């Protein structure tokens, strides 16, 4: 958790508002951190003030959010690994950056 804290602190220092949520831990040790609704609600609330939304996720559940944001006049961009990104999300976005094609830039 210290590494996460350092990362969050660094983001805050350069001007990002960091929002976090505790992970759900399931029997057997599996972890999950659902934040989809929180991301969608924050985005919809900010829509009147935004020109562009950049979503860093390949989750197809966000397709409807992109559709709504475009109807609100926002440009939509998605950054994700193409191999695992939803094709419907990619189709809905105005722009798609495939991190699989630029691994040296995006992976450490």
PDB file of N, CA and C in Angstrom:
ATOM      1  N   UNK A   1       0.801  -1.192   0.000  1.00  0.00           N
ATOM      2  CA  UNK A   1       0.000   0.000   0.000  1.00  0.00           C
ATOM      3  C   UNK A   1       0.853   1.270   0.000  1.00  0.00           C
ATOM      4  N   UNK A   2       2.096   1.153   0.474  1.00  0.00           N
ATOM      5  CA  UNK A   2       2.969   2.324   0.501  1.00  0.00           C
ATOM      6  C   UNK A   2       3.262   2.807  -0.917  1.00  0.00           C
ATOM      7  N   UNK A   3       3.485   1.849  -1.836  1.00  0.00           N
ATOM      8  CA  UNK A   3       3.736   2.222  -3.228  1.00  0.00           C
ATOM      9  C   UNK A   3       2.543   2.963  -3.813  1.00  0.00           C
ATOM     10  N   UNK A   4       1.332   2.495  -3.502  1.00  0.00           N
ATOM     11  CA  UNK A   4       0.125   3.174  -3.980  1.00  0.00           C
ATOM     12  C   UNK A   4       0.035   4.574  -3.395  1.00  0.00           C
ATOM     13  N   UNK A   5       0.339   4.696  -2.122  1.00  0.00           N
ATOM     14  CA  UNK A   5       0.285   6.000  -1.456  1.00  0.00           C
ATOM     15  C   UNK A   5       1.269   6.972  -2.099  1.00  0.00           C
ATOM     16  N   UNK A   6       2.476   6.502  -2.383  1.00  0.00           N
ATOM     17  CA  UNK A   6       3.480   7.351  -3.044  1.00  0.00           C
ATOM     18  C   UNK A   6       2.999   7.784  -4.432  1.00  0.00           C
ATOM     19  N   UNK A   7       2.376   6.852  -5.153  1.00  0.00           N
ATOM     20  CA  UNK A   7       1.859   7.146  -6.486  1.00  0.00           C
ATOM     21  C   UNK A   7       0.749   8.188  -6.408  1.00  0.00           C
ATOM     22  N   UNK A   8      -0.182   7.993  -5.471  1.00  0.00           N
ATOM     23  CA  UNK A   8      -1.279   8.943  -5.304  1.00  0.00           C
ATOM     24  C   UNK A   8      -0.755  10.314  -4.902  1.00  0.00           C
ATOM     25  N   UNK A   9       0.231  10.345  -4.006  1.00  0.00           N
ATOM     26  CA  UNK A   9       0.833  11.619  -3.581  1.00  0.00           C
ATOM     27  C   UNK A   9       1.463  12.342  -4.772  1.00  0.00           C
ATOM     28  N   UNK A  10       2.158  11.599  -5.627  1.00  0.00           N
ATOM     29  CA  UNK A  10       2.793  12.200  -6.808  1.00  0.00           C
ATOM     30  C   UNK A  10       1.744  12.771  -7.751  1.00  0.00           C
ATOM     31  N   UNK A  11       0.643  12.065  -7.945  1.00  0.00           N
ATOM     32  CA  UNK A  11      -0.427  12.571  -8.806  1.00  0.00           C
ATOM     33  C   UNK A  11      -1.015  13.860  -8.243  1.00  0.00           C
ATOM     34  N   UNK A  12      -1.247  13.897  -6.932  1.00  0.00           N
ATOM     35  CA  UNK A  12      -1.806  15.094  -6.304  1.00  0.00           C
ATOM     36  C   UNK A  12      -0.858  16.286  -6.443  1.00  0.00           C
ATOM     37  N   UNK A  13       0.440  16.032  -6.331  1.00  0.00           N
ATOM     38  CA  UNK A  13       1.426  17.116  -6.432  1.00  0.00           C
ATOM     39  C   UNK A  13       1.440  17.769  -7.815  1.00  0.00           C
ATOM     40  N   UNK A  14       1.046  17.012  -8.851  1.00  0.00           N
ATOM     41  CA  UNK A  14       1.032  17.609 -10.198  1.00  0.00           C
ATOM     42  C   UNK A  14      -0.368  18.055 -10.602  1.00  0.00           C
ATOM     43  N   UNK A  15      -1.298  18.055  -9.628  1.00  0.00           N
ATOM     44  CA  UNK A  15      -2.594  18.666  -9.878  1.00  0.00           C
ATOM     45  C   UNK A  15      -3.783  17.751 -10.080  1.00  0.00           C
ATOM     46  N   UNK A  16      -3.589  16.439  -9.971  1.00  0.00           N
ATOM     47  CA  UNK A  16      -4.710  15.533 -10.132  1.00  0.00           C
ATOM     48  C   UNK A  16      -5.497  15.429  -8.832  1.00  0.00           C
ATOM     49  N   UNK A  17      -6.814  15.303  -8.949  1.00  0.00           N
ATOM     50  CA  UNK A  17      -7.648  14.978  -7.802  1.00  0.00           C
ATOM     51  C   UNK A  17      -7.737  13.460  -7.754  1.00  0.00           C
ATOM     52  N   UNK A  18      -7.196  12.878  -6.705  1.00  0.00           N
ATOM     53  CA  UNK A  18      -7.158  11.423  -6.585  1.00  0.00           C
ATOM     54  C   UNK A  18      -8.364  10.954  -5.787  1.00  0.00           C
ATOM     55  N   UNK A  19      -9.095  10.015  -6.349  1.00  0.00           N
ATOM     56  CA  UNK A  19     -10.245   9.408  -5.676  1.00  0.00           C
ATOM     57  C   UNK A  19      -9.942   7.923  -5.584  1.00  0.00           C
ATOM     58  N   UNK A  20     -10.024   7.376  -4.409  1.00  0.00           N
ATOM     59  CA  UNK A  20      -9.733   5.950  -4.251  1.00  0.00           C
ATOM     60  C   UNK A  20     -10.855   5.264  -3.481  1.00  0.00           C
ATOM     61  N   UNK A  21     -10.864   3.966  -3.586  1.00  0.00           N
ATOM     62  CA  UNK A  21     -11.894   3.156  -2.948  1.00  0.00           C
ATOM     63  C   UNK A  21     -11.228   1.869  -2.489  1.00  0.00           C
ATOM     64  N   UNK A  22     -11.586   1.395  -1.308  1.00  0.00           N
ATOM     65  CA  UNK A  22     -11.025   0.139  -0.820  1.00  0.00           C
ATOM     66  C   UNK A  22     -11.434  -1.012  -1.721  1.00  0.00           C
ATOM     67  N   UNK A  23     -10.527  -1.948  -1.918  1.00  0.00           N
ATOM     68  CA  UNK A  23     -10.813  -3.128  -2.722  1.00  0.00           C
ATOM     69  C   UNK A  23     -11.699  -4.090  -1.948  1.00  0.00           C
ATOM     70  N   UNK A  24     -12.553  -4.778  -2.658  1.00  0.00           N
ATOM     71  CA  UNK A  24     -13.316  -5.879  -2.072  1.00  0.00           C
ATOM     72  C   UNK A  24     -12.415  -7.103  -2.134  1.00  0.00           C
ATOM     73  N   UNK A  25     -12.292  -7.806  -1.033  1.00  0.00           N
ATOM     74  CA  UNK A  25     -11.479  -9.022  -0.995  1.00  0.00           C
ATOM     75  C   UNK A  25     -12.424 -10.201  -0.821  1.00  0.00           C
ATOM     76  N   UNK A  26     -12.356 -11.123  -1.760  1.00  0.00           N
ATOM     77  CA  UNK A  26     -13.244 -12.278  -1.776  1.00  0.00           C
ATOM     78  C   UNK A  26     -12.550 -13.508  -1.197  1.00  0.00           C
ATOM     79  N   UNK A  27     -13.368 -14.494  -0.852  1.00  0.00           N
ATOM     80  CA  UNK A  27     -12.841 -15.757  -0.370  1.00  0.00           C
ATOM     81  C   UNK A  27     -11.854 -16.302  -1.397  1.00  0.00           C
ATOM     82  N   UNK A  28     -10.710 -16.720  -0.949  1.00  0.00           N
ATOM     83  CA  UNK A  28      -9.685 -17.224  -1.859  1.00  0.00           C
ATOM     84  C   UNK A  28      -8.664 -16.156  -2.226  1.00  0.00           C
ATOM     85  N   UNK A  29      -8.902 -14.917  -1.793  1.00  0.00           N
ATOM     86  CA  UNK A  29      -7.919 -13.854  -2.016  1.00  0.00           C
ATOM     87  C   UNK A  29      -8.147 -12.984  -3.231  1.00  0.00           C
ATOM     88  N   UNK A  30      -9.134 -13.300  -4.050  1.00  0.00           N
ATOM     89  CA  UNK A  30      -9.404 -12.457  -5.223  1.00  0.00           C
ATOM     90  C   UNK A  30      -9.825 -11.068  -4.761  1.00  0.00           C
ATOM     91  N   UNK A  31      -9.380 -10.046  -5.509  1.00  0.00           N
ATOM     92  CA  UNK A  31      -9.702  -8.661  -5.168  1.00  0.00           C
ATOM     93  C   UNK A  31     -10.385  -7.979  -6.334  1.00  0.00           C
ATOM     94  N   UNK A  32     -11.287  -7.049  -6.000  1.00  0.00           N
ATOM     95  CA  UNK A  32     -11.993  -6.320  -7.043  1.00  0.00           C
ATOM     96  C   UNK A  32     -12.263  -4.911  -6.553  1.00  0.00           C
ATOM     97  N   UNK A  33     -12.113  -3.954  -7.438  1.00  0.00           N
ATOM     98  CA  UNK A  33     -12.347  -2.557  -7.079  1.00  0.00           C
ATOM     99  C   UNK A  33     -13.298  -1.887  -8.057  1.00  0.00           C
ATOM    100  N   UNK A  34     -14.577  -2.126  -7.912  1.00  0.00           N
ATOM    101  CA  UNK A  34     -15.569  -1.516  -8.802  1.00  0.00           C
ATOM    102  C   UNK A  34     -15.623  -0.007  -8.592  1.00  0.00           C
ATOM    103  N   UNK A  35     -15.355   0.727  -9.638  1.00  0.00           N
ATOM    104  CA  UNK A  35     -15.409   2.180  -9.567  1.00  0.00           C
ATOM    105  C   UNK A  35     -16.126   2.728 -10.795  1.00  0.00           C
ATOM    106  N   UNK A  36     -16.708   1.845 -11.592  1.00  0.00           N
ATOM    107  CA  UNK A  36     -17.355   2.245 -12.846  1.00  0.00           C
ATOM    108  C   UNK A  36     -18.432   3.307 -12.639  1.00  0.00           C
ATOM    109  N   UNK A  37     -19.313   3.083 -11.677  1.00  0.00           N
ATOM    110  CA  UNK A  37     -20.406   4.031 -11.455  1.00  0.00           C
ATOM    111  C   UNK A  37     -19.859   5.364 -10.971  1.00  0.00           C
ATOM    112  N   UNK A  38     -18.861   5.333 -10.093  1.00  0.00           N
ATOM    113  CA  UNK A  38     -18.247   6.571  -9.618  1.00  0.00           C
ATOM    114  C   UNK A  38     -17.613   7.367 -10.749  1.00  0.00           C
ATOM    115  N   UNK A  39     -16.915   6.683 -11.630  1.00  0.00           N
ATOM    116  CA  UNK A  39     -16.298   7.349 -12.785  1.00  0.00           C
ATOM    117  C   UNK A  39     -17.379   7.949 -13.683  1.00  0.00           C
ATOM    118  N   UNK A  40     -18.411   7.168 -13.958  1.00  0.00           N
ATOM    119  CA  UNK A  40     -19.491   7.655 -14.824  1.00  0.00           C
ATOM    120  C   UNK A  40     -20.188   8.866 -14.215  1.00  0.00           C
ATOM    121  N   UNK A  41     -20.492   8.810 -12.925  1.00  0.00           N
ATOM    122  CA  UNK A  41     -21.195   9.925 -12.276  1.00  0.00           C
ATOM    123  C   UNK A  41     -20.337  11.191 -12.262  1.00  0.00           C
ATOM    124  N   UNK A  42     -19.066  11.059 -11.926  1.00  0.00           N
ATOM    125  CA  UNK A  42     -18.175  12.222 -11.933  1.00  0.00           C
ATOM    126  C   UNK A  42     -18.091  12.835 -13.324  1.00  0.00           C
ATOM    127  N   UNK A  43     -17.995  11.980 -14.328  1.00  0.00           N
ATOM    128  CA  UNK A  43     -17.876  12.442 -15.704  1.00  0.00           C
ATOM    129  C   UNK A  43     -19.143  13.168 -16.160  1.00  0.00           C
ATOM    130  N   UNK A  44     -20.288  12.602 -15.860  1.00  0.00           N
ATOM    131  CA  UNK A  44     -21.559  13.216 -16.245  1.00  0.00           C
ATOM    132  C   UNK A  44     -21.739  14.568 -15.552  1.00  0.00           C
ATOM    133  N   UNK A  45     -21.370  14.638 -14.268  1.00  0.00           N
ATOM    134  CA  UNK A  45     -21.466  15.906 -13.536  1.00  0.00           C
ATOM    135  C   UNK A  45     -20.580  16.982 -14.150  1.00  0.00           C
ATOM    136  N   UNK A  46     -19.417  16.587 -14.640  1.00  0.00           N
ATOM    137  CA  UNK A  46     -18.460  17.544 -15.207  1.00  0.00           C
ATOM    138  C   UNK A  46     -18.711  17.856 -16.678  1.00  0.00           C
ATOM    139  N   UNK A  47     -19.560  17.092 -17.335  1.00  0.00           N
ATOM    140  CA  UNK A  47     -19.776  17.204 -18.784  1.00  0.00           C
ATOM    141  C   UNK A  47     -19.944  18.641 -19.283  1.00  0.00           C
ATOM    142  N   UNK A  48     -20.735  19.488 -18.619  1.00  0.00           N
ATOM    143  CA  UNK A  48     -20.913  20.843 -19.146  1.00  0.00           C
ATOM    144  C   UNK A  48     -19.615  21.682 -19.162  1.00  0.00           C
ATOM    145  N   UNK A  49     -18.616  21.244 -18.406  1.00  0.00           N
ATOM    146  CA  UNK A  49     -17.361  21.989 -18.309  1.00  0.00           C
ATOM    147  C   UNK A  49     -16.247  21.380 -19.153  1.00  0.00           C
ATOM    148  N   UNK A  50     -16.529  20.261 -19.812  1.00  0.00           N
ATOM    149  CA  UNK A  50     -15.489  19.521 -20.522  1.00  0.00           C
ATOM    150  C   UNK A  50     -15.575  19.687 -22.034  1.00  0.00           C
ATOM    151  N   UNK A  51     -14.409  19.727 -22.655  1.00  0.00           N
ATOM    152  CA  UNK A  51     -14.303  19.665 -24.115  1.00  0.00           C
ATOM    153  C   UNK A  51     -14.037  18.229 -24.555  1.00  0.00           C
ATOM    154  N   UNK A  52     -13.206  17.542 -23.756  1.00  0.00           N
ATOM    155  CA  UNK A  52     -12.764  16.196 -24.108  1.00  0.00           C
ATOM    156  C   UNK A  52     -12.709  15.346 -22.850  1.00  0.00           C
ATOM    157  N   UNK A  53     -13.092  14.093 -22.984  1.00  0.00           N
ATOM    158  CA  UNK A  53     -12.888  13.115 -21.914  1.00  0.00           C
ATOM    159  C   UNK A  53     -11.905  12.090 -22.443  1.00  0.00           C
ATOM    160  N   UNK A  54     -10.906  11.759 -21.628  1.00  0.00           N
ATOM    161  CA  UNK A  54      -9.944  10.718 -21.965  1.00  0.00           C
ATOM    162  C   UNK A  54     -10.155   9.593 -20.960  1.00  0.00           C
ATOM    163  N   UNK A  55     -10.625   8.471 -21.444  1.00  0.00           N
ATOM    164  CA  UNK A  55     -10.911   7.311 -20.616  1.00  0.00           C
ATOM    165  C   UNK A  55      -9.778   6.311 -20.787  1.00  0.00           C
ATOM    166  N   UNK A  56      -9.132   5.955 -19.693  1.00  0.00           N
ATOM    167  CA  UNK A  56      -8.052   4.972 -19.754  1.00  0.00           C
ATOM    168  C   UNK A  56      -8.617   3.652 -19.234  1.00  0.00           C
ATOM    169  N   UNK A  57      -9.326   2.990 -20.104  1.00  0.00           N
ATOM    170  CA  UNK A  57      -9.974   1.717 -19.797  1.00  0.00           C
ATOM    171  C   UNK A  57     -10.472   1.104 -21.090  1.00  0.00           C
ATOM    172  N   UNK A  58     -10.468  -0.209 -21.135  1.00  0.00           N
ATOM    173  CA  UNK A  58     -11.029  -0.896 -22.290  1.00  0.00           C
ATOM    174  C   UNK A  58     -12.360  -1.542 -21.978  1.00  0.00           C
ATOM    175  N   UNK A  59     -12.918  -1.221 -20.823  1.00  0.00           N
ATOM    176  CA  UNK A  59     -14.150  -1.838 -20.342  1.00  0.00           C
ATOM    177  C   UNK A  59     -15.347  -1.394 -21.183  1.00  0.00           C
ATOM    178  N   UNK A  60     -15.989  -2.347 -21.825  1.00  0.00           N
ATOM    179  CA  UNK A  60     -17.131  -2.063 -22.687  1.00  0.00           C
ATOM    180  C   UNK A  60     -18.320  -1.461 -21.956  1.00  0.00           C
ATOM    181  N   UNK A  61     -18.357  -1.604 -20.631  1.00  0.00           N
ATOM    182  CA  UNK A  61     -19.444  -1.000 -19.854  1.00  0.00           C
ATOM    183  C   UNK A  61     -19.453   0.523 -19.990  1.00  0.00           C
ATOM    184  N   UNK A  62     -18.329   1.115 -20.389  1.00  0.00           N
ATOM    185  CA  UNK A  62     -18.246   2.571 -20.533  1.00  0.00           C
ATOM    186  C   UNK A  62     -18.755   3.084 -21.882  1.00  0.00           C
ATOM    187  N   UNK A  63     -19.155   2.170 -22.773  1.00  0.00           N
ATOM    188  CA  UNK A  63     -19.630   2.595 -24.095  1.00  0.00           C
ATOM    189  C   UNK A  63     -20.796   3.578 -23.985  1.00  0.00           C
ATOM    190  N   UNK A  64     -21.754   3.278 -23.142  1.00  0.00           N
ATOM    191  CA  UNK A  64     -22.914   4.163 -22.978  1.00  0.00           C
ATOM    192  C   UNK A  64     -22.488   5.530 -22.424  1.00  0.00           C
ATOM    193  N   UNK A  65     -21.488   5.536 -21.553  1.00  0.00           N
ATOM    194  CA  UNK A  65     -20.975   6.812 -21.032  1.00  0.00           C
ATOM    195  C   UNK A  65     -20.391   7.651 -22.163  1.00  0.00           C
ATOM    196  N   UNK A  66     -19.605   7.030 -23.038  1.00  0.00           N
ATOM    197  CA  UNK A  66     -19.029   7.772 -24.167  1.00  0.00           C
ATOM    198  C   UNK A  66     -20.129   8.298 -25.086  1.00  0.00           C
ATOM    199  N   UNK A  67     -21.132   7.471 -25.321  1.00  0.00           N
ATOM    200  CA  UNK A  67     -22.257   7.892 -26.158  1.00  0.00           C
ATOM    201  C   UNK A  67     -22.931   9.127 -25.554  1.00  0.00           C
ATOM    202  N   UNK A  68     -23.152   9.104 -24.253  1.00  0.00           N
ATOM    203  CA  UNK A  68     -23.776  10.239 -23.565  1.00  0.00           C
ATOM    204  C   UNK A  68     -22.881  11.476 -23.634  1.00  0.00           C
ATOM    205  N   UNK A  69     -21.601  11.297 -23.402  1.00  0.00           N
ATOM    206  CA  UNK A  69     -20.675  12.438 -23.404  1.00  0.00           C
ATOM    207  C   UNK A  69     -20.604  13.080 -24.792  1.00  0.00           C
ATOM    208  N   UNK A  70     -20.653  12.260 -25.827  1.00  0.00           N
ATOM    209  CA  UNK A  70     -20.661  12.802 -27.188  1.00  0.00           C
ATOM    210  C   UNK A  70     -21.938  13.599 -27.436  1.00  0.00           C
ATOM    211  N   UNK A  71     -23.062  13.115 -26.926  1.00  0.00           N
ATOM    212  CA  UNK A  71     -24.331  13.838 -27.061  1.00  0.00           C
ATOM    213  C   UNK A  71     -24.285  15.166 -26.313  1.00  0.00           C
ATOM    214  N   UNK A  72     -23.449  15.242 -25.283  1.00  0.00           N
ATOM    215  CA  UNK A  72     -23.278  16.477 -24.510  1.00  0.00           C
ATOM    216  C   UNK A  72     -22.259  17.415 -25.164  1.00  0.00           C
ATOM    217  N   UNK A  73     -21.711  16.995 -26.308  1.00  0.00           N
ATOM    218  CA  UNK A  73     -20.780  17.842 -27.044  1.00  0.00           C
ATOM    219  C   UNK A  73     -19.311  17.620 -26.734  1.00  0.00           C
ATOM    220  N   UNK A  74     -18.996  16.556 -26.010  1.00  0.00           N
ATOM    221  CA  UNK A  74     -17.604  16.273 -25.655  1.00  0.00           C
ATOM    222  C   UNK A  74     -16.955  15.336 -26.674  1.00  0.00           C
ATOM    223  N   UNK A  75     -15.699  15.580 -26.937  1.00  0.00           N
ATOM    224  CA  UNK A  75     -14.883  14.642 -27.705  1.00  0.00           C
ATOM    225  C   UNK A  75     -14.510  13.502 -26.763  1.00  0.00           C
ATOM    226  N   UNK A  76     -14.478  12.269 -27.263  1.00  0.00           N
ATOM    227  CA  UNK A  76     -14.157  11.118 -26.421  1.00  0.00           C
ATOM    228  C   UNK A  76     -12.917  10.401 -26.951  1.00  0.00           C
ATOM    229  N   UNK A  77     -11.987  10.154 -26.051  1.00  0.00           N
ATOM    230  CA  UNK A  77     -10.758   9.440 -26.391  1.00  0.00           C
ATOM    231  C   UNK A  77     -10.601   8.273 -25.428  1.00  0.00           C
ATOM    232  N   UNK A  78     -10.150   7.148 -25.941  1.00  0.00           N
ATOM    233  CA  UNK A  78      -9.920   5.963 -25.127  1.00  0.00           C
ATOM    234  C   UNK A  78      -8.475   5.532 -25.303  1.00  0.00           C
ATOM    235  N   UNK A  79      -7.855   5.201 -24.178  1.00  0.00           N
ATOM    236  CA  UNK A  79      -6.500   4.640 -24.174  1.00  0.00           C
ATOM    237  C   UNK A  79      -6.602   3.304 -23.453  1.00  0.00           C
ATOM    238  N   UNK A  80      -6.202   2.221 -24.122  1.00  0.00           N
ATOM    239  CA  UNK A  80      -6.292   0.890 -23.518  1.00  0.00           C
ATOM    240  C   UNK A  80      -5.419  -0.074 -24.311  1.00  0.00           C
ATOM    241  N   UNK A  81      -5.256  -1.266 -23.757  1.00  0.00           N
ATOM    242  CA  UNK A  81      -4.578  -2.325 -24.493  1.00  0.00           C
ATOM    243  C   UNK A  81      -5.580  -2.917 -25.478  1.00  0.00           C
ATOM    244  N   UNK A  82      -5.287  -2.803 -26.749  1.00  0.00           N
ATOM    245  CA  UNK A  82      -6.215  -3.213 -27.799  1.00  0.00           C
ATOM    246  C   UNK A  82      -6.648  -4.656 -27.722  1.00  0.00           C
ATOM    247  N   UNK A  83      -5.761  -5.540 -27.281  1.00  0.00           N
ATOM    248  CA  UNK A  83      -6.088  -6.967 -27.226  1.00  0.00           C
ATOM    249  C   UNK A  83      -7.232  -7.248 -26.251  1.00  0.00           C
ATOM    250  N   UNK A  84      -7.344  -6.430 -25.220  1.00  0.00           N
ATOM    251  CA  UNK A  84      -8.378  -6.693 -24.219  1.00  0.00           C
ATOM    252  C   UNK A  84      -9.475  -5.631 -24.185  1.00  0.00           C
ATOM    253  N   UNK A  85      -9.376  -4.639 -25.060  1.00  0.00           N
ATOM    254  CA  UNK A  85     -10.381  -3.567 -25.077  1.00  0.00           C
ATOM    255  C   UNK A  85     -11.626  -3.995 -25.852  1.00  0.00           C
ATOM    256  N   UNK A  86     -12.763  -3.534 -25.389  1.00  0.00           N
ATOM    257  CA  UNK A  86     -14.034  -3.827 -26.048  1.00  0.00           C
ATOM    258  C   UNK A  86     -14.079  -3.174 -27.429  1.00  0.00           C
ATOM    259  N   UNK A  87     -14.423  -3.944 -28.428  1.00  0.00           N
ATOM    260  CA  UNK A  87     -14.527  -3.393 -29.787  1.00  0.00           C
ATOM    261  C   UNK A  87     -15.640  -2.351 -29.864  1.00  0.00           C
ATOM    262  N   UNK A  88     -16.713  -2.539 -29.098  1.00  0.00           N
ATOM    263  CA  UNK A  88     -17.824  -1.570 -29.082  1.00  0.00           C
ATOM    264  C   UNK A  88     -17.368  -0.239 -28.482  1.00  0.00           C
ATOM    265  N   UNK A  89     -16.523  -0.289 -27.445  1.00  0.00           N
ATOM    266  CA  UNK A  89     -15.984   0.926 -26.843  1.00  0.00           C
ATOM    267  C   UNK A  89     -15.086   1.653 -27.838  1.00  0.00           C
ATOM    268  N   UNK A  90     -14.248   0.907 -28.514  1.00  0.00           N
ATOM    269  CA  UNK A  90     -13.342   1.487 -29.515  1.00  0.00           C
ATOM    270  C   UNK A  90     -14.139   2.159 -30.632  1.00  0.00           C
ATOM    271  N   UNK A  91     -15.186   1.508 -31.101  1.00  0.00           N
ATOM    272  CA  UNK A  91     -16.033   2.073 -32.158  1.00  0.00           C
ATOM    273  C   UNK A  91     -16.713   3.362 -31.709  1.00  0.00           C
ATOM    274  N   UNK A  92     -17.111   3.431 -30.446  1.00  0.00           N
ATOM    275  CA  UNK A  92     -17.825   4.599 -29.928  1.00  0.00           C
ATOM    276  C   UNK A  92     -16.910   5.805 -29.739  1.00  0.00           C
ATOM    277  N   UNK A  93     -15.646   5.555 -29.439  1.00  0.00           N
ATOM    278  CA  UNK A  93     -14.706   6.641 -29.160  1.00  0.00           C
ATOM    279  C   UNK A  93     -14.355   7.422 -30.421  1.00  0.00           C
ATOM    280  N   UNK A  94     -14.123   8.723 -30.245  1.00  0.00           N
ATOM    281  CA  UNK A  94     -13.649   9.543 -31.359  1.00  0.00           C
ATOM    282  C   UNK A  94     -12.207   9.201 -31.705  1.00  0.00           C
ATOM    283  N   UNK A  95     -11.446   8.773 -30.700  1.00  0.00           N
ATOM    284  CA  UNK A  95     -10.042   8.441 -30.888  1.00  0.00           C
ATOM    285  C   UNK A  95      -9.692   7.270 -29.982  1.00  0.00           C
ATOM    286  N   UNK A  96      -8.858   6.350 -30.480  1.00  0.00           N
ATOM    287  CA  UNK A  96      -8.410   5.216 -29.685  1.00  0.00           C
ATOM    288  C   UNK A  96      -6.903   5.082 -29.784  1.00  0.00           C
ATOM    289  N   UNK A  97      -6.237   5.020 -28.634  1.00  0.00           N
ATOM    290  CA  UNK A  97      -4.797   4.773 -28.572  1.00  0.00           C
ATOM    291  C   UNK A  97      -4.597   3.363 -28.034  1.00  0.00           C
ATOM    292  N   UNK A  98      -3.979   2.520 -28.847  1.00  0.00           N
ATOM    293  CA  UNK A  98      -3.738   1.127 -28.485  1.00  0.00           C
ATOM    294  C   UNK A  98      -2.375   1.029 -27.807  1.00  0.00           C
ATOM    295  N   UNK A  99      -2.379   0.795 -26.511  1.00  0.00           N
ATOM    296  CA  UNK A  99      -1.122   0.704 -25.764  1.00  0.00           C
ATOM    297  C   UNK A  99      -0.313  -0.530 -26.158  1.00  0.00           C
ATOM    298  N   UNK A 100      -0.956  -1.541 -26.741  1.00  0.00           N
ATOM    299  CA  UNK A 100      -0.220  -2.713 -27.221  1.00  0.00           C
ATOM    300  C   UNK A 100       0.772  -2.328 -28.322  1.00  0.00           C
ATOM    301  N   UNK A 101       0.454  -1.294 -29.074  1.00  0.00           N
ATOM    302  CA  UNK A 101       1.295  -0.890 -30.210  1.00  0.00           C
ATOM    303  C   UNK A 101       2.439   0.014 -29.791  1.00  0.00           C
ATOM    304  N   UNK A 102       2.443   0.464 -28.533  1.00  0.00           N
ATOM    305  CA  UNK A 102       3.501   1.354 -28.037  1.00  0.00           C
ATOM    306  C   UNK A 102       3.955   0.905 -26.649  1.00  0.00           C
ATOM    307  N   UNK A 103       4.264  -0.386 -26.516  1.00  0.00           N
ATOM    308  CA  UNK A 103       4.558  -0.966 -25.212  1.00  0.00           C
ATOM    309  C   UNK A 103       5.722  -0.273 -24.506  1.00  0.00           C
ATOM    310  N   UNK A 104       6.751   0.124 -25.222  1.00  0.00           N
ATOM    311  CA  UNK A 104       7.892   0.787 -24.581  1.00  0.00           C
ATOM    312  C   UNK A 104       7.491   2.118 -23.957  1.00  0.00           C
ATOM    313  N   UNK A 105       6.500   2.746 -24.532  1.00  0.00           N
ATOM    314  CA  UNK A 105       6.034   4.030 -24.009  1.00  0.00           C
ATOM    315  C   UNK A 105       5.173   3.862 -22.768  1.00  0.00           C
ATOM    316  N   UNK A 106       4.389   2.787 -22.696  1.00  0.00           N
ATOM    317  CA  UNK A 106       3.398   2.641 -21.648  1.00  0.00           C
ATOM    318  C   UNK A 106       3.751   1.636 -20.558  1.00  0.00           C
ATOM    319  N   UNK A 107       4.673   0.720 -20.798  1.00  0.00           N
ATOM    320  CA  UNK A 107       5.030  -0.293 -19.806  1.00  0.00           C
ATOM    321  C   UNK A 107       6.419  -0.060 -19.260  1.00  0.00           C
ATOM    322  N   UNK A 108       6.562  -0.355 -17.990  1.00  0.00           N
ATOM    323  CA  UNK A 108       7.885  -0.205 -17.354  1.00  0.00           C
ATOM    324  C   UNK A 108       8.516  -1.571 -17.253  1.00  0.00           C
TER     325      UNK A 108
END
